[in-house]
């Protein structure tokens, strides 16, 4: 949706999205596409109607946040699972 709306910062604002983060994500995607082209790896996207489409997106997002997972301790503070 971001790209189909012209990568507009006002569109991001009205949809409660971070413009800079979306621009960075788009830049990273373009870099990955170029790398895949150089390595002659085919680019494949699942259709949105595929049953694994949204679970795969959730897995990708959560895998990026695993270092931020924390548990509430009895003393009332949070302790990250990775580093304590």
PDB file of N, CA and C in Angstrom:
ATOM      1  N   UNK A   1       0.815  -1.196   0.000  1.00  0.00           N
ATOM      2  CA  UNK A   1       0.000   0.000   0.000  1.00  0.00           C
ATOM      3  C   UNK A   1       0.865   1.270   0.000  1.00  0.00           C
ATOM      4  N   UNK A   2       1.990   1.213   0.688  1.00  0.00           N
ATOM      5  CA  UNK A   2       2.869   2.371   0.781  1.00  0.00           C
ATOM      6  C   UNK A   2       3.337   2.800  -0.608  1.00  0.00           C
ATOM      7  N   UNK A   3       3.825   1.851  -1.391  1.00  0.00           N
ATOM      8  CA  UNK A   3       4.315   2.181  -2.719  1.00  0.00           C
ATOM      9  C   UNK A   3       3.179   2.540  -3.668  1.00  0.00           C
ATOM     10  N   UNK A   4       2.047   1.869  -3.544  1.00  0.00           N
ATOM     11  CA  UNK A   4       0.923   2.167  -4.435  1.00  0.00           C
ATOM     12  C   UNK A   4       0.319   3.540  -4.145  1.00  0.00           C
ATOM     13  N   UNK A   5       0.618   4.097  -2.981  1.00  0.00           N
ATOM     14  CA  UNK A   5       0.175   5.455  -2.642  1.00  0.00           C
ATOM     15  C   UNK A   5       1.287   6.473  -2.850  1.00  0.00           C
ATOM     16  N   UNK A   6       2.251   6.119  -3.686  1.00  0.00           N
ATOM     17  CA  UNK A   6       3.299   7.061  -4.061  1.00  0.00           C
ATOM     18  C   UNK A   6       4.315   7.338  -2.980  1.00  0.00           C
ATOM     19  N   UNK A   7       4.445   6.447  -2.008  1.00  0.00           N
ATOM     20  CA  UNK A   7       5.392   6.616  -0.905  1.00  0.00           C
ATOM     21  C   UNK A   7       5.230   8.004  -0.279  1.00  0.00           C
ATOM     22  N   UNK A   8       3.995   8.349  -0.001  1.00  0.00           N
ATOM     23  CA  UNK A   8       3.622   9.673   0.486  1.00  0.00           C
ATOM     24  C   UNK A   8       3.676   9.737   2.010  1.00  0.00           C
ATOM     25  N   UNK A   9       4.378  10.727   2.533  1.00  0.00           N
ATOM     26  CA  UNK A   9       4.493  10.868   3.988  1.00  0.00           C
ATOM     27  C   UNK A   9       3.151  11.226   4.628  1.00  0.00           C
ATOM     28  N   UNK A  10       2.312  11.965   3.913  1.00  0.00           N
ATOM     29  CA  UNK A  10       0.984  12.291   4.453  1.00  0.00           C
ATOM     30  C   UNK A  10       0.120  11.042   4.575  1.00  0.00           C
ATOM     31  N   UNK A  11       0.236  10.149   3.612  1.00  0.00           N
ATOM     32  CA  UNK A  11      -0.493   8.880   3.684  1.00  0.00           C
ATOM     33  C   UNK A  11      -0.033   8.086   4.907  1.00  0.00           C
ATOM     34  N   UNK A  12       1.266   8.063   5.156  1.00  0.00           N
ATOM     35  CA  UNK A  12       1.799   7.372   6.336  1.00  0.00           C
ATOM     36  C   UNK A  12       1.227   7.985   7.609  1.00  0.00           C
ATOM     37  N   UNK A  13       1.238   9.311   7.679  1.00  0.00           N
ATOM     38  CA  UNK A  13       0.742  10.006   8.860  1.00  0.00           C
ATOM     39  C   UNK A  13      -0.718   9.655   9.125  1.00  0.00           C
ATOM     40  N   UNK A  14      -1.537   9.662   8.066  1.00  0.00           N
ATOM     41  CA  UNK A  14      -2.964   9.395   8.250  1.00  0.00           C
ATOM     42  C   UNK A  14      -3.252   7.931   8.564  1.00  0.00           C
ATOM     43  N   UNK A  15      -2.290   7.039   8.291  1.00  0.00           N
ATOM     44  CA  UNK A  15      -2.462   5.617   8.584  1.00  0.00           C
ATOM     45  C   UNK A  15      -1.601   5.163   9.765  1.00  0.00           C
ATOM     46  N   UNK A  16      -1.046   6.131  10.512  1.00  0.00           N
ATOM     47  CA  UNK A  16      -0.267   5.853  11.730  1.00  0.00           C
ATOM     48  C   UNK A  16       0.953   4.977  11.446  1.00  0.00           C
ATOM     49  N   UNK A  17       1.649   5.258  10.349  1.00  0.00           N
ATOM     50  CA  UNK A  17       2.835   4.506   9.968  1.00  0.00           C
ATOM     51  C   UNK A  17       4.039   5.432   9.966  1.00  0.00           C
ATOM     52  N   UNK A  18       5.211   4.857  10.194  1.00  0.00           N
ATOM     53  CA  UNK A  18       6.442   5.628  10.223  1.00  0.00           C
ATOM     54  C   UNK A  18       7.021   5.707   8.809  1.00  0.00           C
ATOM     55  N   UNK A  19       7.034   6.904   8.260  1.00  0.00           N
ATOM     56  CA  UNK A  19       7.505   7.113   6.885  1.00  0.00           C
ATOM     57  C   UNK A  19       8.958   6.679   6.720  1.00  0.00           C
ATOM     58  N   UNK A  20       9.827   7.098   7.631  1.00  0.00           N
ATOM     59  CA  UNK A  20      11.254   6.758   7.511  1.00  0.00           C
ATOM     60  C   UNK A  20      11.491   5.256   7.571  1.00  0.00           C
ATOM     61  N   UNK A  21      10.755   4.561   8.432  1.00  0.00           N
ATOM     62  CA  UNK A  21      10.918   3.113   8.541  1.00  0.00           C
ATOM     63  C   UNK A  21      10.470   2.421   7.258  1.00  0.00           C
ATOM     64  N   UNK A  22       9.379   2.892   6.665  1.00  0.00           N
ATOM     65  CA  UNK A  22       8.912   2.293   5.418  1.00  0.00           C
ATOM     66  C   UNK A  22       9.865   2.581   4.265  1.00  0.00           C
ATOM     67  N   UNK A  23      10.421   3.786   4.210  1.00  0.00           N
ATOM     68  CA  UNK A  23      11.422   4.100   3.183  1.00  0.00           C
ATOM     69  C   UNK A  23      12.640   3.198   3.334  1.00  0.00           C
ATOM     70  N   UNK A  24      13.077   2.974   4.578  1.00  0.00           N
ATOM     71  CA  UNK A  24      14.232   2.120   4.818  1.00  0.00           C
ATOM     72  C   UNK A  24      13.918   0.679   4.429  1.00  0.00           C
ATOM     73  N   UNK A  25      12.731   0.197   4.752  1.00  0.00           N
ATOM     74  CA  UNK A  25      12.340  -1.156   4.384  1.00  0.00           C
ATOM     75  C   UNK A  25      12.301  -1.317   2.869  1.00  0.00           C
ATOM     76  N   UNK A  26      11.824  -0.295   2.168  1.00  0.00           N
ATOM     77  CA  UNK A  26      11.793  -0.342   0.708  1.00  0.00           C
ATOM     78  C   UNK A  26      13.206  -0.376   0.134  1.00  0.00           C
ATOM     79  N   UNK A  27      14.091   0.415   0.710  1.00  0.00           N
ATOM     80  CA  UNK A  27      15.486   0.428   0.263  1.00  0.00           C
ATOM     81  C   UNK A  27      16.150  -0.933   0.480  1.00  0.00           C
ATOM     82  N   UNK A  28      15.898  -1.537   1.622  1.00  0.00           N
ATOM     83  CA  UNK A  28      16.469  -2.858   1.919  1.00  0.00           C
ATOM     84  C   UNK A  28      15.937  -3.896   0.945  1.00  0.00           C
ATOM     85  N   UNK A  29      14.633  -3.822   0.646  1.00  0.00           N
ATOM     86  CA  UNK A  29      14.049  -4.767  -0.310  1.00  0.00           C
ATOM     87  C   UNK A  29      14.703  -4.616  -1.683  1.00  0.00           C
ATOM     88  N   UNK A  30      14.917  -3.379  -2.125  1.00  0.00           N
ATOM     89  CA  UNK A  30      15.567  -3.144  -3.415  1.00  0.00           C
ATOM     90  C   UNK A  30      16.978  -3.714  -3.419  1.00  0.00           C
ATOM     91  N   UNK A  31      17.708  -3.561  -2.306  1.00  0.00           N
ATOM     92  CA  UNK A  31      19.050  -4.129  -2.205  1.00  0.00           C
ATOM     93  C   UNK A  31      19.011  -5.648  -2.309  1.00  0.00           C
ATOM     94  N   UNK A  32      18.055  -6.266  -1.611  1.00  0.00           N
ATOM     95  CA  UNK A  32      17.942  -7.723  -1.663  1.00  0.00           C
ATOM     96  C   UNK A  32      17.588  -8.217  -3.060  1.00  0.00           C
ATOM     97  N   UNK A  33      16.718  -7.486  -3.751  1.00  0.00           N
ATOM     98  CA  UNK A  33      16.363  -7.857  -5.127  1.00  0.00           C
ATOM     99  C   UNK A  33      17.593  -7.782  -6.025  1.00  0.00           C
ATOM    100  N   UNK A  34      18.406  -6.731  -5.866  1.00  0.00           N
ATOM    101  CA  UNK A  34      19.640  -6.614  -6.667  1.00  0.00           C
ATOM    102  C   UNK A  34      20.599  -7.750  -6.364  1.00  0.00           C
ATOM    103  N   UNK A  35      20.767  -8.087  -5.086  1.00  0.00           N
ATOM    104  CA  UNK A  35      21.673  -9.181  -4.707  1.00  0.00           C
ATOM    105  C   UNK A  35      21.182 -10.497  -5.288  1.00  0.00           C
ATOM    106  N   UNK A  36      19.868 -10.734  -5.203  1.00  0.00           N
ATOM    107  CA  UNK A  36      19.315 -11.972  -5.755  1.00  0.00           C
ATOM    108  C   UNK A  36      19.521 -12.037  -7.266  1.00  0.00           C
ATOM    109  N   UNK A  37      19.405 -10.895  -7.937  1.00  0.00           N
ATOM    110  CA  UNK A  37      19.655 -10.857  -9.371  1.00  0.00           C
ATOM    111  C   UNK A  37      21.095 -11.182  -9.713  1.00  0.00           C
ATOM    112  N   UNK A  38      22.032 -10.626  -8.934  1.00  0.00           N
ATOM    113  CA  UNK A  38      23.451 -10.906  -9.170  1.00  0.00           C
ATOM    114  C   UNK A  38      23.789 -12.374  -8.927  1.00  0.00           C
ATOM    115  N   UNK A  39      23.118 -12.975  -7.940  1.00  0.00           N
ATOM    116  CA  UNK A  39      23.369 -14.379  -7.613  1.00  0.00           C
ATOM    117  C   UNK A  39      22.499 -15.332  -8.445  1.00  0.00           C
ATOM    118  N   UNK A  40      21.709 -14.774  -9.340  1.00  0.00           N
ATOM    119  CA  UNK A  40      20.814 -15.534 -10.216  1.00  0.00           C
ATOM    120  C   UNK A  40      19.837 -16.409  -9.420  1.00  0.00           C
ATOM    121  N   UNK A  41      19.283 -15.816  -8.385  1.00  0.00           N
ATOM    122  CA  UNK A  41      18.270 -16.475  -7.566  1.00  0.00           C
ATOM    123  C   UNK A  41      16.916 -15.896  -7.976  1.00  0.00           C
ATOM    124  N   UNK A  42      15.977 -16.766  -8.276  1.00  0.00           N
ATOM    125  CA  UNK A  42      14.674 -16.274  -8.725  1.00  0.00           C
ATOM    126  C   UNK A  42      13.902 -15.665  -7.557  1.00  0.00           C
ATOM    127  N   UNK A  43      13.199 -14.598  -7.861  1.00  0.00           N
ATOM    128  CA  UNK A  43      12.383 -13.898  -6.882  1.00  0.00           C
ATOM    129  C   UNK A  43      10.965 -14.434  -6.969  1.00  0.00           C
ATOM    130  N   UNK A  44      10.447 -14.915  -5.860  1.00  0.00           N
ATOM    131  CA  UNK A  44       9.115 -15.497  -5.843  1.00  0.00           C
ATOM    132  C   UNK A  44       8.336 -14.932  -4.663  1.00  0.00           C
ATOM    133  N   UNK A  45       7.135 -14.464  -4.924  1.00  0.00           N
ATOM    134  CA  UNK A  45       6.241 -13.994  -3.869  1.00  0.00           C
ATOM    135  C   UNK A  45       4.987 -14.852  -3.878  1.00  0.00           C
ATOM    136  N   UNK A  46       4.564 -15.257  -2.710  1.00  0.00           N
ATOM    137  CA  UNK A  46       3.319 -16.016  -2.611  1.00  0.00           C
ATOM    138  C   UNK A  46       2.139 -15.085  -2.848  1.00  0.00           C
ATOM    139  N   UNK A  47       1.083 -15.586  -3.476  1.00  0.00           N
ATOM    140  CA  UNK A  47      -0.117 -14.742  -3.609  1.00  0.00           C
ATOM    141  C   UNK A  47      -0.773 -14.545  -2.244  1.00  0.00           C
ATOM    142  N   UNK A  48      -1.451 -13.430  -2.067  1.00  0.00           N
ATOM    143  CA  UNK A  48      -2.083 -13.114  -0.782  1.00  0.00           C
ATOM    144  C   UNK A  48      -3.182 -14.118  -0.429  1.00  0.00           C
ATOM    145  N   UNK A  49      -3.655 -14.882  -1.400  1.00  0.00           N
ATOM    146  CA  UNK A  49      -4.689 -15.879  -1.134  1.00  0.00           C
ATOM    147  C   UNK A  49      -4.112 -17.184  -0.593  1.00  0.00           C
ATOM    148  N   UNK A  50      -2.798 -17.329  -0.617  1.00  0.00           N
ATOM    149  CA  UNK A  50      -2.142 -18.537  -0.117  1.00  0.00           C
ATOM    150  C   UNK A  50      -2.325 -18.635   1.398  1.00  0.00           C
ATOM    151  N   UNK A  51      -2.579 -19.833   1.896  1.00  0.00           N
ATOM    152  CA  UNK A  51      -2.829 -20.011   3.331  1.00  0.00           C
ATOM    153  C   UNK A  51      -1.603 -19.697   4.189  1.00  0.00           C
ATOM    154  N   UNK A  52      -0.411 -19.735   3.610  1.00  0.00           N
ATOM    155  CA  UNK A  52       0.818 -19.454   4.366  1.00  0.00           C
ATOM    156  C   UNK A  52       1.271 -18.001   4.252  1.00  0.00           C
ATOM    157  N   UNK A  53       0.546 -17.186   3.517  1.00  0.00           N
ATOM    158  CA  UNK A  53       0.969 -15.805   3.264  1.00  0.00           C
ATOM    159  C   UNK A  53       1.087 -15.001   4.562  1.00  0.00           C
ATOM    160  N   UNK A  54       0.014 -14.887   5.315  1.00  0.00           N
ATOM    161  CA  UNK A  54       0.039 -14.075   6.536  1.00  0.00           C
ATOM    162  C   UNK A  54       0.823 -14.725   7.675  1.00  0.00           C
ATOM    163  N   UNK A  55       0.753 -16.046   7.868  1.00  0.00           N
ATOM    164  CA  UNK A  55       1.620 -16.641   8.894  1.00  0.00           C
ATOM    165  C   UNK A  55       3.112 -16.413   8.617  1.00  0.00           C
ATOM    166  N   UNK A  56       3.515 -16.416   7.347  1.00  0.00           N
ATOM    167  CA  UNK A  56       4.914 -16.155   7.025  1.00  0.00           C
ATOM    168  C   UNK A  56       5.311 -14.719   7.346  1.00  0.00           C
ATOM    169  N   UNK A  57       4.400 -13.777   7.113  1.00  0.00           N
ATOM    170  CA  UNK A  57       4.680 -12.379   7.464  1.00  0.00           C
ATOM    171  C   UNK A  57       4.824 -12.242   8.978  1.00  0.00           C
ATOM    172  N   UNK A  58       3.938 -12.882   9.724  1.00  0.00           N
ATOM    173  CA  UNK A  58       4.024 -12.841  11.193  1.00  0.00           C
ATOM    174  C   UNK A  58       5.328 -13.430  11.694  1.00  0.00           C
ATOM    175  N   UNK A  59       5.736 -14.558  11.112  1.00  0.00           N
ATOM    176  CA  UNK A  59       7.006 -15.183  11.508  1.00  0.00           C
ATOM    177  C   UNK A  59       8.181 -14.259  11.236  1.00  0.00           C
ATOM    178  N   UNK A  60       8.166 -13.598  10.078  1.00  0.00           N
ATOM    179  CA  UNK A  60       9.260 -12.694   9.728  1.00  0.00           C
ATOM    180  C   UNK A  60       9.339 -11.517  10.697  1.00  0.00           C
ATOM    181  N   UNK A  61       8.199 -10.945  11.039  1.00  0.00           N
ATOM    182  CA  UNK A  61       8.181  -9.811  11.968  1.00  0.00           C
ATOM    183  C   UNK A  61       8.645 -10.247  13.352  1.00  0.00           C
ATOM    184  N   UNK A  62       8.113 -11.349  13.831  1.00  0.00           N
ATOM    185  CA  UNK A  62       8.482 -11.817  15.168  1.00  0.00           C
ATOM    186  C   UNK A  62       9.937 -12.236  15.267  1.00  0.00           C
ATOM    187  N   UNK A  63      10.495 -12.773  14.197  1.00  0.00           N
ATOM    188  CA  UNK A  63      11.901 -13.176  14.246  1.00  0.00           C
ATOM    189  C   UNK A  63      12.812 -11.969  14.418  1.00  0.00           C
ATOM    190  N   UNK A  64      12.357 -10.799  13.982  1.00  0.00           N
ATOM    191  CA  UNK A  64      13.142  -9.587  14.163  1.00  0.00           C
ATOM    192  C   UNK A  64      13.047  -9.013  15.564  1.00  0.00           C
ATOM    193  N   UNK A  65      12.071  -9.439  16.345  1.00  0.00           N
ATOM    194  CA  UNK A  65      11.867  -8.889  17.685  1.00  0.00           C
ATOM    195  C   UNK A  65      12.254  -9.852  18.803  1.00  0.00           C
ATOM    196  N   UNK A  66      12.843 -10.988  18.489  1.00  0.00           N
ATOM    197  CA  UNK A  66      13.110 -11.974  19.537  1.00  0.00           C
ATOM    198  C   UNK A  66      14.045 -11.451  20.613  1.00  0.00           C
ATOM    199  N   UNK A  67      14.933 -10.535  20.275  1.00  0.00           N
ATOM    200  CA  UNK A  67      15.865 -10.007  21.279  1.00  0.00           C
ATOM    201  C   UNK A  67      15.182  -9.011  22.212  1.00  0.00           C
ATOM    202  N   UNK A  68      13.968  -8.591  21.903  1.00  0.00           N
ATOM    203  CA  UNK A  68      13.249  -7.631  22.733  1.00  0.00           C
ATOM    204  C   UNK A  68      12.267  -8.299  23.694  1.00  0.00           C
ATOM    205  N   UNK A  69      12.159  -9.616  23.647  1.00  0.00           N
ATOM    206  CA  UNK A  69      11.200 -10.331  24.487  1.00  0.00           C
ATOM    207  C   UNK A  69      11.668 -10.285  25.941  1.00  0.00           C
ATOM    208  N   UNK A  70      10.745  -9.959  26.840  1.00  0.00           N
ATOM    209  CA  UNK A  70      11.088  -9.861  28.258  1.00  0.00           C
ATOM    210  C   UNK A  70       9.958 -10.440  29.101  1.00  0.00           C
ATOM    211  N   UNK A  71      10.320 -10.835  30.301  1.00  0.00           N
ATOM    212  CA  UNK A  71       9.349 -11.351  31.261  1.00  0.00           C
ATOM    213  C   UNK A  71       9.266 -10.404  32.446  1.00  0.00           C
ATOM    214  N   UNK A  72       8.071 -10.216  32.953  1.00  0.00           N
ATOM    215  CA  UNK A  72       7.884  -9.393  34.135  1.00  0.00           C
ATOM    216  C   UNK A  72       8.292 -10.207  35.356  1.00  0.00           C
ATOM    217  N   UNK A  73       9.240  -9.690  36.117  1.00  0.00           N
ATOM    218  CA  UNK A  73       9.737 -10.368  37.305  1.00  0.00           C
ATOM    219  C   UNK A  73       8.840 -10.042  38.506  1.00  0.00           C
ATOM    220  N   UNK A  74       8.954 -10.830  39.542  1.00  0.00           N
ATOM    221  CA  UNK A  74       8.141 -10.604  40.743  1.00  0.00           C
ATOM    222  C   UNK A  74       8.428  -9.255  41.377  1.00  0.00           C
ATOM    223  N   UNK A  75       9.644  -8.765  41.220  1.00  0.00           N
ATOM    224  CA  UNK A  75      10.021  -7.474  41.795  1.00  0.00           C
ATOM    225  C   UNK A  75       9.384  -6.307  41.042  1.00  0.00           C
ATOM    226  N   UNK A  76       8.743  -6.590  39.904  1.00  0.00           N
ATOM    227  CA  UNK A  76       8.046  -5.549  39.173  1.00  0.00           C
ATOM    228  C   UNK A  76       8.807  -4.980  37.992  1.00  0.00           C
ATOM    229  N   UNK A  77       9.992  -5.514  37.700  1.00  0.00           N
ATOM    230  CA  UNK A  77      10.738  -5.035  36.539  1.00  0.00           C
ATOM    231  C   UNK A  77      10.786  -6.129  35.476  1.00  0.00           C
ATOM    232  N   UNK A  78      11.129  -5.723  34.259  1.00  0.00           N
ATOM    233  CA  UNK A  78      11.212  -6.662  33.150  1.00  0.00           C
ATOM    234  C   UNK A  78      12.655  -7.106  32.957  1.00  0.00           C
ATOM    235  N   UNK A  79      12.827  -8.370  32.583  1.00  0.00           N
ATOM    236  CA  UNK A  79      14.153  -8.898  32.294  1.00  0.00           C
ATOM    237  C   UNK A  79      14.082  -9.568  30.918  1.00  0.00           C
ATOM    238  N   UNK A  80      14.986  -9.123  30.017  1.00  0.00           N
ATOM    239  CA  UNK A  80      14.986  -9.713  28.682  1.00  0.00           C
ATOM    240  C   UNK A  80      15.418 -11.178  28.768  1.00  0.00           C
ATOM    241  N   UNK A  81      14.860 -11.973  27.895  1.00  0.00           N
ATOM    242  CA  UNK A  81      15.166 -13.405  27.937  1.00  0.00           C
ATOM    243  C   UNK A  81      16.582 -13.699  27.458  1.00  0.00           C
ATOM    244  N   UNK A  82      17.087 -12.876  26.545  1.00  0.00           N
ATOM    245  CA  UNK A  82      18.404 -13.146  25.985  1.00  0.00           C
ATOM    246  C   UNK A  82      19.538 -12.738  26.920  1.00  0.00           C
ATOM    247  N   UNK A  83      19.496 -11.506  27.430  1.00  0.00           N
ATOM    248  CA  UNK A  83      20.631 -10.963  28.188  1.00  0.00           C
ATOM    249  C   UNK A  83      20.411 -10.804  29.676  1.00  0.00           C
ATOM    250  N   UNK A  84      19.235 -11.086  30.165  1.00  0.00           N
ATOM    251  CA  UNK A  84      18.879 -10.809  31.555  1.00  0.00           C
ATOM    252  C   UNK A  84      19.015  -9.324  31.835  1.00  0.00           C
TER     253      UNK A  84
END
